[in-house]
Amino acid sequence: RDADEDNSQLRVAECLEGEATALIEAGQVWDGLMALQIAYQLVFARTGMPDHVRVASISERMGMAYSRIGSPGLAMEWLTKAIAIRTKRQGRLHPDLLPSLASSAALLCAQGQLF
C-alpha cells in the first residue's frame, strides 16, 4: 500500500453504511438513508468512480431501505444500479450479486410482476 494513500473517506463511508443498517433495522429509515447518501458522496469523492464496488453496496442498501418504506420505484432504481455495477466490476456469476438480485425479485413479486 502506498504510504501517501489516504483511504479515510472510504473508512468513514464504511462506518456510515453500518450505522445506516442499524438505523434502518431500528425503524429510522430516513436517518439511515441520509447516512447512506453521505457514504455515497464520500466514496465518489475519494474514488471518482460512480461504479465503484462500494457504491454498489450502498446502492443495494438504499434500494432495500426504499422498499421498506413502500417506495418500489426508488427501490428498483437503486437495486438496478447495484446490479449493473456488480455485474460490470465483479462479473455476472459473483456471489455478491445475489442479494441485489434476490431483493429485486422479491420487489417484483410483491408488485405482481414476477411469479
N, C-alpha and C. Protein backbone atom coordinates (compact mmCIF):
# COMPACT_ATOMS: atom_id res chain seq x y z
N ARG A 1 0.85 -1.19 0.00
CA ARG A 1 0.00 0.00 0.00
C ARG A 1 0.88 1.24 0.00
N ASP A 2 0.52 2.19 -0.78
CA ASP A 2 1.26 3.44 -0.88
C ASP A 2 1.09 4.23 0.42
N ALA A 3 2.20 4.65 0.99
CA ALA A 3 2.15 5.38 2.27
C ALA A 3 1.39 6.68 2.16
N ASP A 4 1.36 7.28 0.96
CA ASP A 4 0.67 8.55 0.77
C ASP A 4 -0.83 8.39 0.53
N GLU A 5 -1.26 7.17 0.34
CA GLU A 5 -2.68 6.93 0.02
C GLU A 5 -3.53 7.13 1.28
N ASP A 6 -4.57 7.93 1.14
CA ASP A 6 -5.46 8.21 2.26
C ASP A 6 -6.84 7.61 1.96
N ASN A 7 -7.17 6.58 2.69
CA ASN A 7 -8.45 5.92 2.50
C ASN A 7 -9.43 6.25 3.62
N SER A 8 -9.18 7.33 4.34
CA SER A 8 -10.05 7.66 5.48
C SER A 8 -11.49 7.89 5.03
N GLN A 9 -11.70 8.49 3.86
CA GLN A 9 -13.07 8.70 3.40
C GLN A 9 -13.78 7.37 3.17
N LEU A 10 -13.06 6.39 2.67
CA LEU A 10 -13.67 5.07 2.45
C LEU A 10 -13.99 4.39 3.78
N ARG A 11 -13.13 4.59 4.76
CA ARG A 11 -13.40 4.01 6.09
C ARG A 11 -14.60 4.67 6.75
N VAL A 12 -14.69 5.99 6.62
CA VAL A 12 -15.85 6.70 7.17
C VAL A 12 -17.12 6.23 6.45
N ALA A 13 -17.05 6.07 5.14
CA ALA A 13 -18.21 5.59 4.38
C ALA A 13 -18.64 4.21 4.85
N GLU A 14 -17.66 3.35 5.13
CA GLU A 14 -17.98 2.00 5.62
C GLU A 14 -18.68 2.07 6.98
N CYS A 15 -18.20 2.95 7.84
CA CYS A 15 -18.85 3.13 9.16
C CYS A 15 -20.27 3.67 8.99
N LEU A 16 -20.44 4.60 8.08
CA LEU A 16 -21.77 5.16 7.83
C LEU A 16 -22.73 4.09 7.30
N GLU A 17 -22.22 3.19 6.48
CA GLU A 17 -23.06 2.08 6.00
C GLU A 17 -23.54 1.23 7.17
N GLY A 18 -22.63 0.94 8.08
CA GLY A 18 -23.01 0.17 9.27
C GLY A 18 -24.03 0.89 10.12
N GLU A 19 -23.80 2.18 10.31
CA GLU A 19 -24.75 3.00 11.07
C GLU A 19 -26.12 3.01 10.38
N ALA A 20 -26.11 3.16 9.07
CA ALA A 20 -27.36 3.19 8.31
C ALA A 20 -28.12 1.89 8.46
N THR A 21 -27.41 0.79 8.39
CA THR A 21 -28.06 -0.51 8.54
C THR A 21 -28.74 -0.62 9.90
N ALA A 22 -28.03 -0.19 10.94
CA ALA A 22 -28.61 -0.24 12.29
C ALA A 22 -29.82 0.68 12.40
N LEU A 23 -29.73 1.87 11.84
CA LEU A 23 -30.86 2.82 11.89
C LEU A 23 -32.07 2.26 11.15
N ILE A 24 -31.83 1.70 9.99
CA ILE A 24 -32.94 1.15 9.20
C ILE A 24 -33.60 -0.01 9.93
N GLU A 25 -32.78 -0.88 10.51
CA GLU A 25 -33.33 -2.01 11.27
C GLU A 25 -34.12 -1.53 12.49
N ALA A 26 -33.73 -0.39 13.04
CA ALA A 26 -34.43 0.17 14.20
C ALA A 26 -35.67 0.97 13.80
N GLY A 27 -35.95 1.01 12.49
CA GLY A 27 -37.14 1.72 12.02
C GLY A 27 -36.91 3.18 11.69
N GLN A 28 -35.68 3.64 11.79
CA GLN A 28 -35.34 5.03 11.48
C GLN A 28 -34.80 5.08 10.05
N VAL A 29 -35.68 4.74 9.11
CA VAL A 29 -35.27 4.57 7.71
C VAL A 29 -34.75 5.86 7.10
N TRP A 30 -35.42 6.98 7.34
CA TRP A 30 -34.97 8.23 6.74
C TRP A 30 -33.58 8.63 7.23
N ASP A 31 -33.32 8.42 8.51
CA ASP A 31 -31.98 8.70 9.04
C ASP A 31 -30.95 7.77 8.41
N GLY A 32 -31.34 6.51 8.22
CA GLY A 32 -30.45 5.56 7.56
C GLY A 32 -30.17 5.95 6.13
N LEU A 33 -31.19 6.40 5.42
CA LEU A 33 -31.00 6.84 4.04
C LEU A 33 -30.07 8.06 3.97
N MET A 34 -30.19 8.95 4.94
CA MET A 34 -29.32 10.12 4.98
C MET A 34 -27.86 9.69 5.17
N ALA A 35 -27.63 8.74 6.07
CA ALA A 35 -26.27 8.24 6.29
C ALA A 35 -25.73 7.57 5.02
N LEU A 36 -26.59 6.85 4.31
CA LEU A 36 -26.16 6.21 3.07
C LEU A 36 -25.82 7.23 1.99
N GLN A 37 -26.59 8.31 1.93
CA GLN A 37 -26.29 9.37 0.95
C GLN A 37 -24.92 9.99 1.21
N ILE A 38 -24.61 10.21 2.48
CA ILE A 38 -23.30 10.78 2.83
C ILE A 38 -22.20 9.79 2.47
N ALA A 39 -22.42 8.51 2.78
CA ALA A 39 -21.44 7.48 2.43
C ALA A 39 -21.21 7.44 0.93
N TYR A 40 -22.28 7.53 0.17
CA TYR A 40 -22.20 7.54 -1.30
C TYR A 40 -21.33 8.71 -1.78
N GLN A 41 -21.57 9.88 -1.23
CA GLN A 41 -20.81 11.06 -1.62
C GLN A 41 -19.33 10.92 -1.25
N LEU A 42 -19.04 10.34 -0.09
CA LEU A 42 -17.65 10.15 0.32
C LEU A 42 -16.92 9.19 -0.60
N VAL A 43 -17.57 8.09 -0.96
CA VAL A 43 -16.94 7.12 -1.86
C VAL A 43 -16.67 7.76 -3.21
N PHE A 44 -17.65 8.46 -3.73
CA PHE A 44 -17.46 9.10 -5.02
C PHE A 44 -16.37 10.16 -4.97
N ALA A 45 -16.35 10.94 -3.88
CA ALA A 45 -15.33 11.98 -3.74
C ALA A 45 -13.93 11.37 -3.68
N ARG A 46 -13.80 10.23 -3.01
CA ARG A 46 -12.48 9.59 -2.86
C ARG A 46 -12.04 8.87 -4.14
N THR A 47 -12.98 8.17 -4.79
CA THR A 47 -12.60 7.31 -5.92
C THR A 47 -12.83 7.99 -7.27
N GLY A 48 -13.81 8.90 -7.33
CA GLY A 48 -14.18 9.49 -8.62
C GLY A 48 -14.87 8.49 -9.53
N MET A 49 -15.28 7.38 -8.96
CA MET A 49 -15.87 6.30 -9.75
C MET A 49 -17.33 6.06 -9.34
N PRO A 50 -18.27 6.41 -10.22
CA PRO A 50 -19.67 6.16 -9.89
C PRO A 50 -20.02 4.67 -9.94
N ASP A 51 -19.07 3.85 -10.41
CA ASP A 51 -19.33 2.41 -10.47
C ASP A 51 -18.35 1.62 -9.59
N HIS A 52 -17.89 2.24 -8.52
CA HIS A 52 -17.03 1.57 -7.54
C HIS A 52 -17.86 0.49 -6.83
N VAL A 53 -17.23 -0.60 -6.45
CA VAL A 53 -17.95 -1.70 -5.79
C VAL A 53 -18.61 -1.22 -4.49
N ARG A 54 -17.99 -0.29 -3.78
CA ARG A 54 -18.59 0.24 -2.55
C ARG A 54 -19.88 0.99 -2.88
N VAL A 55 -19.94 1.65 -4.03
CA VAL A 55 -21.17 2.32 -4.47
C VAL A 55 -22.27 1.28 -4.69
N ALA A 56 -21.89 0.11 -5.19
CA ALA A 56 -22.87 -0.97 -5.38
C ALA A 56 -23.47 -1.39 -4.04
N SER A 57 -22.63 -1.53 -3.04
CA SER A 57 -23.09 -1.91 -1.71
C SER A 57 -24.05 -0.87 -1.13
N ILE A 58 -23.68 0.40 -1.27
CA ILE A 58 -24.53 1.48 -0.78
C ILE A 58 -25.85 1.51 -1.56
N SER A 59 -25.77 1.34 -2.86
CA SER A 59 -26.98 1.35 -3.70
C SER A 59 -27.92 0.22 -3.31
N GLU A 60 -27.36 -0.94 -3.04
CA GLU A 60 -28.16 -2.09 -2.61
C GLU A 60 -28.90 -1.78 -1.31
N ARG A 61 -28.20 -1.20 -0.37
CA ARG A 61 -28.82 -0.87 0.92
C ARG A 61 -29.88 0.22 0.76
N MET A 62 -29.63 1.17 -0.12
CA MET A 62 -30.63 2.21 -0.37
C MET A 62 -31.88 1.59 -1.00
N GLY A 63 -31.68 0.68 -1.92
CA GLY A 63 -32.83 0.00 -2.53
C GLY A 63 -33.66 -0.74 -1.50
N MET A 64 -33.00 -1.45 -0.62
CA MET A 64 -33.73 -2.19 0.42
C MET A 64 -34.46 -1.24 1.37
N ALA A 65 -33.84 -0.10 1.67
CA ALA A 65 -34.48 0.88 2.56
C ALA A 65 -35.71 1.48 1.90
N TYR A 66 -35.60 1.85 0.63
CA TYR A 66 -36.76 2.41 -0.06
C TYR A 66 -37.87 1.39 -0.20
N SER A 67 -37.51 0.14 -0.37
CA SER A 67 -38.52 -0.91 -0.41
C SER A 67 -39.24 -1.01 0.93
N ARG A 68 -38.48 -0.88 1.99
CA ARG A 68 -39.03 -0.99 3.34
C ARG A 68 -40.06 0.11 3.65
N ILE A 69 -39.87 1.30 3.06
CA ILE A 69 -40.82 2.39 3.33
C ILE A 69 -41.89 2.50 2.24
N GLY A 70 -41.96 1.49 1.37
CA GLY A 70 -43.03 1.46 0.38
C GLY A 70 -42.81 2.35 -0.83
N SER A 71 -41.56 2.50 -1.26
CA SER A 71 -41.25 3.26 -2.47
C SER A 71 -40.60 2.33 -3.49
N PRO A 72 -41.43 1.48 -4.12
CA PRO A 72 -40.87 0.46 -5.01
C PRO A 72 -40.12 1.02 -6.22
N GLY A 73 -40.54 2.15 -6.74
CA GLY A 73 -39.85 2.74 -7.89
C GLY A 73 -38.42 3.13 -7.55
N LEU A 74 -38.26 3.84 -6.43
CA LEU A 74 -36.91 4.22 -5.99
C LEU A 74 -36.09 3.00 -5.60
N ALA A 75 -36.76 2.05 -4.96
CA ALA A 75 -36.06 0.82 -4.57
C ALA A 75 -35.50 0.12 -5.80
N MET A 76 -36.29 -0.02 -6.84
CA MET A 76 -35.84 -0.71 -8.03
C MET A 76 -34.72 0.06 -8.74
N GLU A 77 -34.80 1.39 -8.73
CA GLU A 77 -33.72 2.20 -9.33
C GLU A 77 -32.37 1.90 -8.66
N TRP A 78 -32.36 1.90 -7.33
CA TRP A 78 -31.12 1.67 -6.60
C TRP A 78 -30.64 0.23 -6.74
N LEU A 79 -31.57 -0.72 -6.70
CA LEU A 79 -31.17 -2.12 -6.85
C LEU A 79 -30.63 -2.40 -8.25
N THR A 80 -31.25 -1.79 -9.26
CA THR A 80 -30.78 -1.95 -10.64
C THR A 80 -29.38 -1.38 -10.79
N LYS A 81 -29.13 -0.26 -10.14
CA LYS A 81 -27.80 0.35 -10.17
C LYS A 81 -26.77 -0.59 -9.53
N ALA A 82 -27.14 -1.16 -8.38
CA ALA A 82 -26.23 -2.09 -7.70
C ALA A 82 -25.92 -3.30 -8.57
N ILE A 83 -26.95 -3.83 -9.23
CA ILE A 83 -26.76 -5.00 -10.10
C ILE A 83 -25.83 -4.64 -11.26
N ALA A 84 -26.04 -3.50 -11.88
CA ALA A 84 -25.22 -3.08 -13.02
C ALA A 84 -23.75 -2.91 -12.62
N ILE A 85 -23.52 -2.29 -11.47
CA ILE A 85 -22.14 -2.07 -11.01
C ILE A 85 -21.47 -3.40 -10.69
N ARG A 86 -22.15 -4.24 -9.93
CA ARG A 86 -21.55 -5.53 -9.56
C ARG A 86 -21.28 -6.40 -10.79
N THR A 87 -22.21 -6.40 -11.74
CA THR A 87 -22.01 -7.18 -12.95
C THR A 87 -20.79 -6.69 -13.72
N LYS A 88 -20.66 -5.38 -13.83
CA LYS A 88 -19.53 -4.79 -14.55
C LYS A 88 -18.21 -5.04 -13.83
N ARG A 89 -18.19 -4.82 -12.53
CA ARG A 89 -16.94 -4.87 -11.76
C ARG A 89 -16.56 -6.28 -11.31
N GLN A 90 -17.58 -7.13 -11.03
CA GLN A 90 -17.28 -8.43 -10.44
C GLN A 90 -17.69 -9.62 -11.31
N GLY A 91 -18.46 -9.35 -12.33
CA GLY A 91 -18.91 -10.44 -13.20
C GLY A 91 -20.28 -10.94 -12.82
N ARG A 92 -20.98 -11.50 -13.79
CA ARG A 92 -22.37 -11.89 -13.57
C ARG A 92 -22.54 -13.12 -12.69
N LEU A 93 -21.47 -13.82 -12.37
CA LEU A 93 -21.57 -15.01 -11.53
C LEU A 93 -21.02 -14.80 -10.12
N HIS A 94 -20.65 -13.57 -9.80
CA HIS A 94 -20.07 -13.29 -8.48
C HIS A 94 -21.15 -13.41 -7.40
N PRO A 95 -20.82 -14.05 -6.27
CA PRO A 95 -21.83 -14.23 -5.20
C PRO A 95 -22.35 -12.93 -4.59
N ASP A 96 -21.58 -11.85 -4.65
CA ASP A 96 -22.05 -10.57 -4.10
C ASP A 96 -23.23 -10.00 -4.89
N LEU A 97 -23.47 -10.53 -6.06
CA LEU A 97 -24.58 -10.08 -6.89
C LEU A 97 -25.92 -10.62 -6.37
N LEU A 98 -25.86 -11.72 -5.66
CA LEU A 98 -27.07 -12.41 -5.22
C LEU A 98 -28.03 -11.58 -4.37
N PRO A 99 -27.58 -10.84 -3.35
CA PRO A 99 -28.53 -10.05 -2.55
C PRO A 99 -29.33 -9.04 -3.38
N SER A 100 -28.67 -8.38 -4.31
CA SER A 100 -29.37 -7.41 -5.15
C SER A 100 -30.39 -8.09 -6.05
N LEU A 101 -30.00 -9.22 -6.61
CA LEU A 101 -30.93 -9.97 -7.47
C LEU A 101 -32.12 -10.48 -6.67
N ALA A 102 -31.85 -11.00 -5.48
CA ALA A 102 -32.92 -11.52 -4.63
C ALA A 102 -33.87 -10.40 -4.19
N SER A 103 -33.32 -9.25 -3.84
CA SER A 103 -34.16 -8.12 -3.42
C SER A 103 -35.01 -7.62 -4.59
N SER A 104 -34.41 -7.57 -5.78
CA SER A 104 -35.16 -7.14 -6.97
C SER A 104 -36.29 -8.12 -7.27
N ALA A 105 -35.99 -9.41 -7.19
CA ALA A 105 -37.01 -10.42 -7.45
C ALA A 105 -38.14 -10.33 -6.42
N ALA A 106 -37.80 -10.14 -5.16
CA ALA A 106 -38.82 -10.02 -4.11
C ALA A 106 -39.70 -8.79 -4.35
N LEU A 107 -39.08 -7.70 -4.77
CA LEU A 107 -39.81 -6.47 -5.05
C LEU A 107 -40.78 -6.66 -6.23
N LEU A 108 -40.29 -7.31 -7.27
CA LEU A 108 -41.15 -7.59 -8.43
C LEU A 108 -42.29 -8.54 -8.06
N CYS A 109 -42.01 -9.54 -7.23
CA CYS A 109 -43.07 -10.44 -6.78
C CYS A 109 -44.13 -9.70 -5.98
N ALA A 110 -43.69 -8.82 -5.10
CA ALA A 110 -44.64 -8.05 -4.28
C ALA A 110 -45.51 -7.15 -5.12
N GLN A 111 -45.00 -6.73 -6.28
CA GLN A 111 -45.78 -5.88 -7.18
C GLN A 111 -46.60 -6.70 -8.18
N GLY A 112 -46.48 -8.02 -8.09
CA GLY A 112 -47.22 -8.89 -9.00
C GLY A 112 -46.63 -8.93 -10.40
N GLN A 113 -45.38 -8.53 -10.54
CA GLN A 113 -44.75 -8.50 -11.86
C GLN A 113 -43.88 -9.73 -12.12
N LEU A 114 -43.71 -10.57 -11.11
CA LEU A 114 -42.90 -11.77 -11.25
C LEU A 114 -43.60 -12.88 -10.49
N PHE A 115 -43.74 -14.00 -11.15
CA PHE A 115 -44.46 -15.11 -10.50
C PHE A 115 -43.56 -16.27 -10.25
